[in-house]
């Protein structure tokens, strides 16, 4: 699909989904932390965060810049430089970024991402494609190429959505 590994998911109780991504990034942890846990870093690849009170129990409102989606909630885990977790409205649920040093002591970072949300199986596929697209944008932003949301279009998301849907199809899978 891309340099981002395919996201995985688990479904419990029929409509509660846990989405997981592991993203290996060559940048050091402080740079990745600023991108996932600050009002200055988030808009370059994901959304505006205003307010974002950087503490356990702090208020957070996330506004996606490629749609009219806005969700509010609380910071439900906060371990500076390592864990930022936002539990927001039902459309995005619990969003957790967990940072670890990369293997080999080369200054890289492993981002372990979890999104817990309720919704249909179709919505789960929408979110997998959406997060995948956003993590591609995170890589670009960390490389000095933030997203210009005025130029955003859904083509990449649609392509990723088709790939995730195809992976869900019963065997045998079509391979390009």
N, C-alpha and C. Protein backbone atom coordinates (compact mmCIF):
# COMPACT_ATOMS: atom_id res chain seq x y z
N UNK A 1 0.82 -1.20 0.00
CA UNK A 1 0.00 0.00 0.00
C UNK A 1 0.86 1.26 0.00
N UNK A 2 1.77 1.34 0.96
CA UNK A 2 2.63 2.51 1.08
C UNK A 2 3.72 2.17 2.08
N UNK A 3 4.52 3.15 2.46
CA UNK A 3 5.54 2.88 3.46
C UNK A 3 4.93 2.71 4.85
N UNK A 4 3.67 3.01 5.01
CA UNK A 4 2.96 2.78 6.26
C UNK A 4 2.45 1.34 6.25
N UNK A 5 2.77 0.59 7.30
CA UNK A 5 2.27 -0.78 7.39
C UNK A 5 0.76 -0.78 7.51
N UNK A 6 0.17 -1.81 6.97
CA UNK A 6 -1.28 -1.95 7.00
C UNK A 6 -1.78 -1.91 8.44
N UNK A 7 -2.84 -1.14 8.65
CA UNK A 7 -3.48 -1.11 9.95
C UNK A 7 -4.22 -2.40 10.22
N UNK A 8 -4.34 -2.74 11.47
CA UNK A 8 -5.05 -3.95 11.89
C UNK A 8 -6.22 -3.54 12.77
N UNK A 9 -7.18 -4.45 12.91
CA UNK A 9 -8.30 -4.13 13.78
C UNK A 9 -8.84 -5.40 14.41
N UNK A 10 -9.49 -5.20 15.54
CA UNK A 10 -10.21 -6.25 16.25
C UNK A 10 -11.62 -5.70 16.48
N UNK A 11 -12.59 -6.59 16.44
CA UNK A 11 -13.97 -6.19 16.72
C UNK A 11 -14.48 -6.98 17.91
N UNK A 12 -15.11 -6.28 18.84
CA UNK A 12 -15.69 -6.89 20.04
C UNK A 12 -17.13 -6.44 20.18
N UNK A 13 -17.96 -7.30 20.69
CA UNK A 13 -19.37 -6.97 20.95
C UNK A 13 -20.08 -6.48 19.69
N UNK A 14 -19.63 -6.89 18.52
CA UNK A 14 -20.31 -6.57 17.28
C UNK A 14 -19.99 -5.22 16.67
N UNK A 15 -19.82 -4.19 17.52
CA UNK A 15 -19.61 -2.85 16.94
C UNK A 15 -18.52 -2.03 17.63
N UNK A 16 -17.76 -2.65 18.52
CA UNK A 16 -16.66 -1.94 19.19
C UNK A 16 -15.36 -2.38 18.52
N UNK A 17 -14.70 -1.43 17.89
CA UNK A 17 -13.51 -1.73 17.09
C UNK A 17 -12.26 -1.13 17.74
N UNK A 18 -11.19 -1.91 17.72
CA UNK A 18 -9.87 -1.44 18.13
C UNK A 18 -9.00 -1.45 16.89
N UNK A 19 -8.59 -0.28 16.46
CA UNK A 19 -7.72 -0.13 15.29
C UNK A 19 -6.30 0.07 15.78
N UNK A 20 -5.35 -0.56 15.11
CA UNK A 20 -3.94 -0.50 15.52
C UNK A 20 -3.06 -0.19 14.31
N UNK A 21 -2.14 0.72 14.51
CA UNK A 21 -1.08 0.97 13.52
C UNK A 21 0.24 1.02 14.28
N UNK A 22 1.29 0.52 13.65
CA UNK A 22 2.65 0.69 14.15
C UNK A 22 3.40 1.41 13.03
N UNK A 23 3.90 2.59 13.34
CA UNK A 23 4.55 3.43 12.34
C UNK A 23 5.99 3.67 12.77
N UNK A 24 6.93 3.19 11.95
CA UNK A 24 8.36 3.42 12.20
C UNK A 24 8.75 4.73 11.54
N UNK A 25 9.32 5.62 12.32
CA UNK A 25 9.68 6.95 11.83
C UNK A 25 11.16 7.21 12.10
N UNK A 26 11.89 7.76 11.14
CA UNK A 26 13.31 8.02 11.35
C UNK A 26 13.58 9.21 12.27
N UNK A 27 12.59 10.02 12.52
CA UNK A 27 12.79 11.23 13.34
C UNK A 27 12.88 10.86 14.82
N UNK A 28 13.54 11.72 15.60
CA UNK A 28 13.65 11.49 17.04
C UNK A 28 12.31 11.72 17.75
N UNK A 29 12.19 11.13 18.91
CA UNK A 29 10.93 11.21 19.66
C UNK A 29 10.44 12.63 19.91
N UNK A 30 11.30 13.60 20.25
CA UNK A 30 10.76 14.96 20.48
C UNK A 30 10.05 15.54 19.26
N UNK A 31 10.54 15.25 18.06
CA UNK A 31 9.89 15.76 16.84
C UNK A 31 8.54 15.09 16.63
N UNK A 32 8.49 13.78 16.87
CA UNK A 32 7.22 13.05 16.69
C UNK A 32 6.23 13.47 17.77
N UNK A 33 6.71 13.64 19.00
CA UNK A 33 5.83 14.09 20.09
C UNK A 33 5.19 15.43 19.73
N UNK A 34 5.97 16.36 19.24
CA UNK A 34 5.43 17.67 18.86
C UNK A 34 4.36 17.53 17.79
N UNK A 35 4.51 16.55 16.89
CA UNK A 35 3.54 16.37 15.81
C UNK A 35 2.23 15.76 16.29
N UNK A 36 2.27 14.89 17.31
CA UNK A 36 1.06 14.19 17.73
C UNK A 36 0.43 14.77 18.99
N UNK A 37 1.13 15.68 19.67
CA UNK A 37 0.65 16.12 20.98
C UNK A 37 0.72 17.63 21.17
N UNK A 38 0.69 18.38 20.08
CA UNK A 38 0.72 19.84 20.23
C UNK A 38 -0.22 20.50 19.23
N UNK A 39 -0.80 21.63 19.62
CA UNK A 39 -1.66 22.37 18.68
C UNK A 39 -0.89 22.88 17.48
N UNK A 40 0.43 23.01 17.59
CA UNK A 40 1.24 23.47 16.47
C UNK A 40 1.53 22.35 15.48
N UNK A 41 1.70 21.11 15.99
CA UNK A 41 2.08 20.00 15.13
C UNK A 41 0.93 19.27 14.47
N UNK A 42 -0.19 19.14 15.14
CA UNK A 42 -1.31 18.35 14.62
C UNK A 42 -1.87 18.84 13.28
N UNK A 43 -2.02 20.15 13.05
CA UNK A 43 -2.62 20.58 11.78
C UNK A 43 -1.80 20.23 10.54
N UNK A 44 -0.53 19.95 10.69
CA UNK A 44 0.33 19.64 9.54
C UNK A 44 -0.02 18.29 8.91
N UNK A 45 -0.76 17.46 9.66
CA UNK A 45 -1.05 16.12 9.14
C UNK A 45 -2.41 15.56 9.54
N UNK A 46 -3.05 16.13 10.56
CA UNK A 46 -4.28 15.53 11.07
C UNK A 46 -5.43 16.53 11.22
N UNK A 47 -5.31 17.43 12.17
CA UNK A 47 -6.44 18.31 12.48
C UNK A 47 -5.96 19.46 13.36
N UNK A 48 -6.82 20.46 13.51
CA UNK A 48 -6.56 21.51 14.50
C UNK A 48 -6.94 20.98 15.87
N UNK A 49 -6.23 21.44 16.88
CA UNK A 49 -6.54 21.07 18.27
C UNK A 49 -6.62 22.35 19.07
N UNK A 50 -7.84 22.80 19.33
CA UNK A 50 -8.03 24.04 20.09
C UNK A 50 -9.37 23.98 20.80
N UNK A 51 -9.35 23.81 22.11
CA UNK A 51 -8.17 23.78 22.97
C UNK A 51 -7.53 22.40 23.00
N UNK A 52 -6.29 22.37 23.42
CA UNK A 52 -5.60 21.14 23.81
C UNK A 52 -4.85 21.47 25.09
N UNK A 53 -5.43 21.05 26.20
CA UNK A 53 -4.82 21.28 27.50
C UNK A 53 -3.94 20.08 27.83
N UNK A 54 -2.61 20.25 27.77
CA UNK A 54 -1.68 19.13 27.86
C UNK A 54 -1.49 18.60 29.29
N UNK A 55 -2.53 17.91 29.74
CA UNK A 55 -2.49 17.31 31.07
C UNK A 55 -3.63 16.31 31.18
N UNK A 56 -3.50 15.36 32.06
CA UNK A 56 -4.55 14.39 32.30
C UNK A 56 -5.82 15.12 32.70
N UNK A 57 -6.91 14.84 32.03
CA UNK A 57 -8.18 15.50 32.31
C UNK A 57 -8.38 16.80 31.56
N UNK A 58 -7.36 17.26 30.83
CA UNK A 58 -7.46 18.51 30.09
C UNK A 58 -8.49 18.44 28.97
N UNK A 59 -9.02 19.58 28.61
CA UNK A 59 -9.98 19.64 27.51
C UNK A 59 -9.27 19.53 26.17
N UNK A 60 -9.97 18.94 25.20
CA UNK A 60 -9.44 18.87 23.84
C UNK A 60 -10.62 18.93 22.86
N UNK A 61 -10.42 19.73 21.82
CA UNK A 61 -11.36 19.76 20.70
C UNK A 61 -10.53 19.60 19.43
N UNK A 62 -10.91 18.61 18.63
CA UNK A 62 -10.22 18.32 17.38
C UNK A 62 -11.13 18.69 16.22
N UNK A 63 -10.59 19.49 15.27
CA UNK A 63 -11.33 19.92 14.08
C UNK A 63 -10.56 19.46 12.85
N UNK A 64 -11.16 18.50 12.12
CA UNK A 64 -10.52 18.02 10.90
C UNK A 64 -10.59 19.10 9.84
N UNK A 65 -9.51 19.28 9.14
CA UNK A 65 -9.40 20.37 8.17
C UNK A 65 -9.80 19.95 6.76
N UNK A 66 -10.13 18.67 6.59
CA UNK A 66 -10.60 18.19 5.28
C UNK A 66 -12.08 17.86 5.31
N UNK A 67 -12.76 18.24 6.38
CA UNK A 67 -14.21 17.99 6.50
C UNK A 67 -14.76 18.94 7.57
N UNK A 68 -16.01 18.77 7.88
CA UNK A 68 -16.61 19.60 8.93
C UNK A 68 -16.66 18.86 10.26
N UNK A 69 -15.87 17.81 10.40
CA UNK A 69 -15.86 17.01 11.62
C UNK A 69 -15.17 17.77 12.76
N UNK A 70 -15.87 17.83 13.88
CA UNK A 70 -15.33 18.42 15.10
C UNK A 70 -15.79 17.58 16.27
N UNK A 71 -14.84 17.19 17.12
CA UNK A 71 -15.16 16.37 18.29
C UNK A 71 -14.47 16.96 19.50
N UNK A 72 -15.14 16.88 20.63
CA UNK A 72 -14.58 17.41 21.88
C UNK A 72 -14.56 16.32 22.93
N UNK A 73 -13.64 16.46 23.88
CA UNK A 73 -13.55 15.50 24.96
C UNK A 73 -12.45 15.88 25.91
N UNK A 74 -11.78 14.85 26.41
CA UNK A 74 -10.75 15.04 27.43
C UNK A 74 -9.47 14.31 27.07
N UNK A 75 -8.38 14.79 27.63
CA UNK A 75 -7.11 14.08 27.57
C UNK A 75 -7.20 12.99 28.63
N UNK A 76 -7.19 11.72 28.21
CA UNK A 76 -7.41 10.61 29.13
C UNK A 76 -6.13 9.85 29.48
N UNK A 77 -5.02 10.19 28.85
CA UNK A 77 -3.70 9.70 29.26
C UNK A 77 -2.69 10.75 28.78
N UNK A 78 -1.74 11.06 29.63
CA UNK A 78 -0.74 12.07 29.28
C UNK A 78 0.55 11.76 30.03
N UNK A 79 1.51 11.25 29.31
CA UNK A 79 2.85 11.00 29.83
C UNK A 79 3.79 11.73 28.88
N UNK A 80 4.16 12.98 29.22
CA UNK A 80 4.92 13.80 28.27
C UNK A 80 6.07 13.06 27.61
N UNK A 81 6.15 13.24 26.32
CA UNK A 81 7.15 12.65 25.44
C UNK A 81 6.88 11.19 25.08
N UNK A 82 5.85 10.57 25.69
CA UNK A 82 5.60 9.15 25.43
C UNK A 82 4.16 8.82 25.05
N UNK A 83 3.17 9.32 25.79
CA UNK A 83 1.78 8.92 25.57
C UNK A 83 0.87 10.15 25.57
N UNK A 84 0.09 10.26 24.50
CA UNK A 84 -0.99 11.24 24.42
C UNK A 84 -2.24 10.48 24.01
N UNK A 85 -3.28 10.62 24.81
CA UNK A 85 -4.54 9.94 24.50
C UNK A 85 -5.68 10.92 24.66
N UNK A 86 -6.52 10.97 23.63
CA UNK A 86 -7.66 11.87 23.61
C UNK A 86 -8.92 11.01 23.47
N UNK A 87 -9.86 11.17 24.39
CA UNK A 87 -11.15 10.50 24.27
C UNK A 87 -12.16 11.58 23.93
N UNK A 88 -12.68 11.48 22.71
CA UNK A 88 -13.52 12.54 22.14
C UNK A 88 -14.86 11.96 21.70
N UNK A 89 -15.66 12.76 21.02
CA UNK A 89 -17.00 12.36 20.59
C UNK A 89 -17.06 10.98 19.97
N UNK A 90 -18.27 10.44 19.85
CA UNK A 90 -18.43 9.05 19.42
C UNK A 90 -17.89 8.74 18.02
N UNK A 91 -17.76 9.73 17.16
CA UNK A 91 -17.27 9.43 15.81
C UNK A 91 -15.80 9.07 15.80
N UNK A 92 -15.04 9.47 16.81
CA UNK A 92 -13.61 9.14 16.84
C UNK A 92 -13.16 8.45 18.13
N UNK A 93 -14.00 8.39 19.14
CA UNK A 93 -13.72 7.59 20.33
C UNK A 93 -12.43 7.93 21.04
N UNK A 94 -11.68 6.86 21.36
CA UNK A 94 -10.41 7.01 22.08
C UNK A 94 -9.27 6.91 21.07
N UNK A 95 -8.43 7.94 21.04
CA UNK A 95 -7.30 8.05 20.11
C UNK A 95 -6.03 8.09 20.96
N UNK A 96 -5.15 7.10 20.76
CA UNK A 96 -3.94 6.99 21.61
C UNK A 96 -2.68 6.92 20.75
N UNK A 97 -1.74 7.79 21.07
CA UNK A 97 -0.41 7.80 20.45
C UNK A 97 0.59 7.40 21.53
N UNK A 98 1.33 6.33 21.30
CA UNK A 98 2.33 5.86 22.25
C UNK A 98 3.67 5.82 21.51
N UNK A 99 4.63 6.57 22.00
CA UNK A 99 5.95 6.65 21.35
C UNK A 99 6.98 5.83 22.11
N UNK A 100 7.86 5.18 21.34
CA UNK A 100 8.97 4.42 21.90
C UNK A 100 10.21 4.71 21.07
N UNK A 101 11.39 4.59 21.67
CA UNK A 101 12.61 4.71 20.87
C UNK A 101 12.66 3.58 19.84
N UNK A 102 13.15 3.90 18.65
CA UNK A 102 13.30 2.90 17.61
C UNK A 102 14.39 1.89 17.97
N UNK A 103 14.34 0.75 17.31
CA UNK A 103 15.34 -0.29 17.55
C UNK A 103 16.71 0.18 17.08
N UNK A 104 17.73 -0.28 17.74
CA UNK A 104 19.08 0.00 17.28
C UNK A 104 19.69 1.28 17.81
N UNK A 105 18.94 2.05 18.60
CA UNK A 105 19.50 3.25 19.17
C UNK A 105 19.93 4.30 18.17
N UNK A 106 19.25 4.35 17.03
CA UNK A 106 19.63 5.30 15.96
C UNK A 106 18.88 6.62 16.03
N UNK A 107 18.13 6.83 17.11
CA UNK A 107 17.39 8.09 17.25
C UNK A 107 16.05 8.08 16.58
N UNK A 108 15.61 6.95 16.06
CA UNK A 108 14.30 6.87 15.40
C UNK A 108 13.21 6.63 16.45
N UNK A 109 11.97 6.63 15.98
CA UNK A 109 10.81 6.51 16.86
C UNK A 109 9.85 5.47 16.31
N UNK A 110 9.24 4.70 17.21
CA UNK A 110 8.13 3.82 16.87
C UNK A 110 6.87 4.45 17.46
N UNK A 111 5.90 4.70 16.61
CA UNK A 111 4.60 5.22 17.03
C UNK A 111 3.63 4.05 17.04
N UNK A 112 3.10 3.74 18.20
CA UNK A 112 2.06 2.71 18.33
C UNK A 112 0.75 3.44 18.54
N UNK A 113 -0.15 3.26 17.60
CA UNK A 113 -1.41 4.00 17.58
C UNK A 113 -2.57 3.06 17.81
N UNK A 114 -3.52 3.50 18.63
CA UNK A 114 -4.75 2.75 18.86
C UNK A 114 -5.92 3.71 18.78
N UNK A 115 -6.98 3.26 18.12
CA UNK A 115 -8.23 4.02 18.08
C UNK A 115 -9.34 3.05 18.45
N UNK A 116 -10.03 3.34 19.54
CA UNK A 116 -11.16 2.53 19.97
C UNK A 116 -12.43 3.30 19.68
N UNK A 117 -13.31 2.68 18.89
CA UNK A 117 -14.49 3.39 18.43
C UNK A 117 -15.62 2.40 18.20
N UNK A 118 -16.85 2.88 18.29
CA UNK A 118 -18.02 2.06 17.98
C UNK A 118 -18.55 2.44 16.61
N UNK A 119 -19.02 1.44 15.87
CA UNK A 119 -19.60 1.71 14.57
C UNK A 119 -19.74 0.43 13.77
N UNK A 120 -20.23 0.58 12.57
CA UNK A 120 -20.44 -0.55 11.68
C UNK A 120 -19.10 -1.07 11.14
N UNK A 121 -19.15 -2.24 10.52
CA UNK A 121 -17.96 -2.78 9.86
C UNK A 121 -17.50 -1.85 8.74
N UNK A 122 -18.44 -1.22 8.05
CA UNK A 122 -18.09 -0.27 6.99
C UNK A 122 -17.36 0.95 7.56
N UNK A 123 -17.83 1.44 8.69
CA UNK A 123 -17.19 2.59 9.32
C UNK A 123 -15.77 2.23 9.76
N UNK A 124 -15.58 1.00 10.24
CA UNK A 124 -14.24 0.53 10.63
C UNK A 124 -13.30 0.61 9.43
N UNK A 125 -13.75 0.18 8.26
CA UNK A 125 -12.91 0.27 7.06
C UNK A 125 -12.63 1.72 6.69
N UNK A 126 -13.66 2.59 6.83
CA UNK A 126 -13.45 4.02 6.57
C UNK A 126 -12.34 4.57 7.45
N UNK A 127 -12.38 4.21 8.74
CA UNK A 127 -11.37 4.72 9.67
C UNK A 127 -9.99 4.16 9.39
N UNK A 128 -9.89 2.87 9.07
CA UNK A 128 -8.59 2.31 8.73
C UNK A 128 -7.97 3.07 7.56
N UNK A 129 -8.76 3.32 6.54
CA UNK A 129 -8.25 4.07 5.38
C UNK A 129 -7.90 5.50 5.78
N UNK A 130 -8.74 6.12 6.59
CA UNK A 130 -8.49 7.50 7.01
C UNK A 130 -7.22 7.63 7.83
N UNK A 131 -7.04 6.77 8.82
CA UNK A 131 -5.82 6.84 9.63
C UNK A 131 -4.60 6.53 8.80
N UNK A 132 -4.70 5.56 7.90
CA UNK A 132 -3.58 5.24 7.03
C UNK A 132 -3.16 6.48 6.23
N UNK A 133 -4.14 7.14 5.65
CA UNK A 133 -3.89 8.37 4.88
C UNK A 133 -3.22 9.43 5.77
N UNK A 134 -3.74 9.60 6.98
CA UNK A 134 -3.16 10.60 7.88
C UNK A 134 -1.74 10.24 8.29
N UNK A 135 -1.44 8.96 8.47
CA UNK A 135 -0.06 8.60 8.82
C UNK A 135 0.89 8.82 7.66
N UNK A 136 0.43 8.65 6.43
CA UNK A 136 1.26 9.05 5.28
C UNK A 136 1.54 10.54 5.34
N UNK A 137 0.55 11.31 5.73
CA UNK A 137 0.71 12.76 5.85
C UNK A 137 1.64 13.12 7.02
N UNK A 138 1.59 12.33 8.09
CA UNK A 138 2.52 12.55 9.20
C UNK A 138 3.96 12.38 8.73
N UNK A 139 4.23 11.32 7.98
CA UNK A 139 5.57 11.09 7.45
C UNK A 139 6.03 12.29 6.62
N UNK A 140 5.15 12.77 5.75
CA UNK A 140 5.49 13.92 4.91
C UNK A 140 5.73 15.17 5.77
N UNK A 141 4.86 15.40 6.75
CA UNK A 141 5.01 16.58 7.61
C UNK A 141 6.34 16.53 8.37
N UNK A 142 6.69 15.37 8.90
CA UNK A 142 7.95 15.24 9.62
C UNK A 142 9.15 15.43 8.69
N UNK A 143 8.95 15.18 7.40
CA UNK A 143 10.00 15.41 6.40
C UNK A 143 9.99 16.85 5.87
N UNK A 144 9.18 17.71 6.49
CA UNK A 144 9.16 19.11 6.10
C UNK A 144 8.11 19.47 5.06
N UNK A 145 7.13 18.58 4.82
CA UNK A 145 6.10 18.82 3.82
C UNK A 145 4.71 18.70 4.45
N UNK A 146 4.30 19.71 5.22
CA UNK A 146 2.98 19.64 5.85
C UNK A 146 1.87 19.64 4.81
N UNK A 147 0.75 19.08 5.19
CA UNK A 147 -0.41 19.03 4.30
C UNK A 147 -0.98 20.43 4.10
N UNK A 148 -1.23 20.78 2.85
CA UNK A 148 -1.98 21.99 2.53
C UNK A 148 -3.42 21.54 2.35
N UNK A 149 -4.24 21.69 3.38
CA UNK A 149 -5.59 21.16 3.38
C UNK A 149 -6.48 21.78 2.32
N UNK A 150 -6.11 22.94 1.80
CA UNK A 150 -6.91 23.55 0.72
C UNK A 150 -6.86 22.71 -0.54
N UNK A 151 -5.78 21.92 -0.70
CA UNK A 151 -5.61 21.07 -1.89
C UNK A 151 -6.03 19.63 -1.66
N UNK A 152 -6.58 19.32 -0.49
CA UNK A 152 -6.93 17.95 -0.18
C UNK A 152 -8.05 17.45 -1.09
N UNK A 153 -7.94 16.20 -1.49
CA UNK A 153 -9.02 15.55 -2.22
C UNK A 153 -9.11 14.11 -1.72
N UNK A 154 -10.24 13.46 -1.89
CA UNK A 154 -10.44 12.13 -1.30
C UNK A 154 -9.89 10.96 -2.12
N UNK A 155 -9.19 11.20 -3.22
CA UNK A 155 -8.77 10.09 -4.07
C UNK A 155 -7.89 9.07 -3.34
N UNK A 156 -6.90 9.54 -2.60
CA UNK A 156 -6.01 8.61 -1.90
C UNK A 156 -6.81 7.81 -0.87
N UNK A 157 -7.68 8.49 -0.13
CA UNK A 157 -8.51 7.79 0.85
C UNK A 157 -9.35 6.71 0.17
N UNK A 158 -9.96 7.04 -0.96
CA UNK A 158 -10.78 6.06 -1.67
C UNK A 158 -9.96 4.84 -2.07
N UNK A 159 -8.75 5.07 -2.58
CA UNK A 159 -7.89 3.96 -2.98
C UNK A 159 -7.56 3.09 -1.77
N UNK A 160 -7.17 3.71 -0.66
CA UNK A 160 -6.86 2.95 0.54
C UNK A 160 -8.08 2.19 1.04
N UNK A 161 -9.23 2.82 0.99
CA UNK A 161 -10.48 2.17 1.42
C UNK A 161 -10.75 0.92 0.60
N UNK A 162 -10.54 1.01 -0.71
CA UNK A 162 -10.73 -0.16 -1.59
C UNK A 162 -9.77 -1.28 -1.21
N UNK A 163 -8.52 -0.93 -0.88
CA UNK A 163 -7.54 -1.94 -0.50
C UNK A 163 -7.91 -2.62 0.82
N UNK A 164 -8.34 -1.83 1.80
CA UNK A 164 -8.75 -2.42 3.07
C UNK A 164 -9.99 -3.29 2.88
N UNK A 165 -10.92 -2.85 2.06
CA UNK A 165 -12.12 -3.64 1.80
C UNK A 165 -11.76 -4.95 1.09
N UNK A 166 -10.87 -4.88 0.13
CA UNK A 166 -10.43 -6.07 -0.59
C UNK A 166 -9.78 -7.06 0.37
N UNK A 167 -9.00 -6.56 1.30
CA UNK A 167 -8.36 -7.45 2.28
C UNK A 167 -9.38 -8.16 3.17
N UNK A 168 -10.57 -7.59 3.31
CA UNK A 168 -11.63 -8.19 4.12
C UNK A 168 -12.41 -9.25 3.36
N UNK A 169 -12.26 -9.27 2.03
CA UNK A 169 -13.04 -10.18 1.19
C UNK A 169 -12.71 -11.63 1.50
N UNK A 170 -13.68 -12.52 1.32
CA UNK A 170 -13.39 -13.94 1.54
C UNK A 170 -12.33 -14.43 0.56
N UNK A 171 -11.63 -15.39 0.95
CA UNK A 171 -10.57 -16.01 0.15
C UNK A 171 -11.19 -16.65 -1.07
N UNK A 172 -10.62 -16.66 -2.26
CA UNK A 172 -9.29 -16.14 -2.54
C UNK A 172 -9.31 -14.64 -2.78
N UNK A 173 -8.26 -14.00 -2.34
CA UNK A 173 -8.14 -12.55 -2.53
C UNK A 173 -7.54 -12.26 -3.90
N UNK A 174 -7.99 -11.19 -4.47
CA UNK A 174 -7.43 -10.74 -5.74
C UNK A 174 -6.14 -9.99 -5.43
N UNK A 175 -5.09 -10.32 -6.15
CA UNK A 175 -3.80 -9.67 -5.95
C UNK A 175 -3.43 -8.97 -7.25
N UNK A 176 -3.13 -7.67 -7.18
CA UNK A 176 -2.81 -6.95 -8.41
C UNK A 176 -1.52 -7.43 -9.04
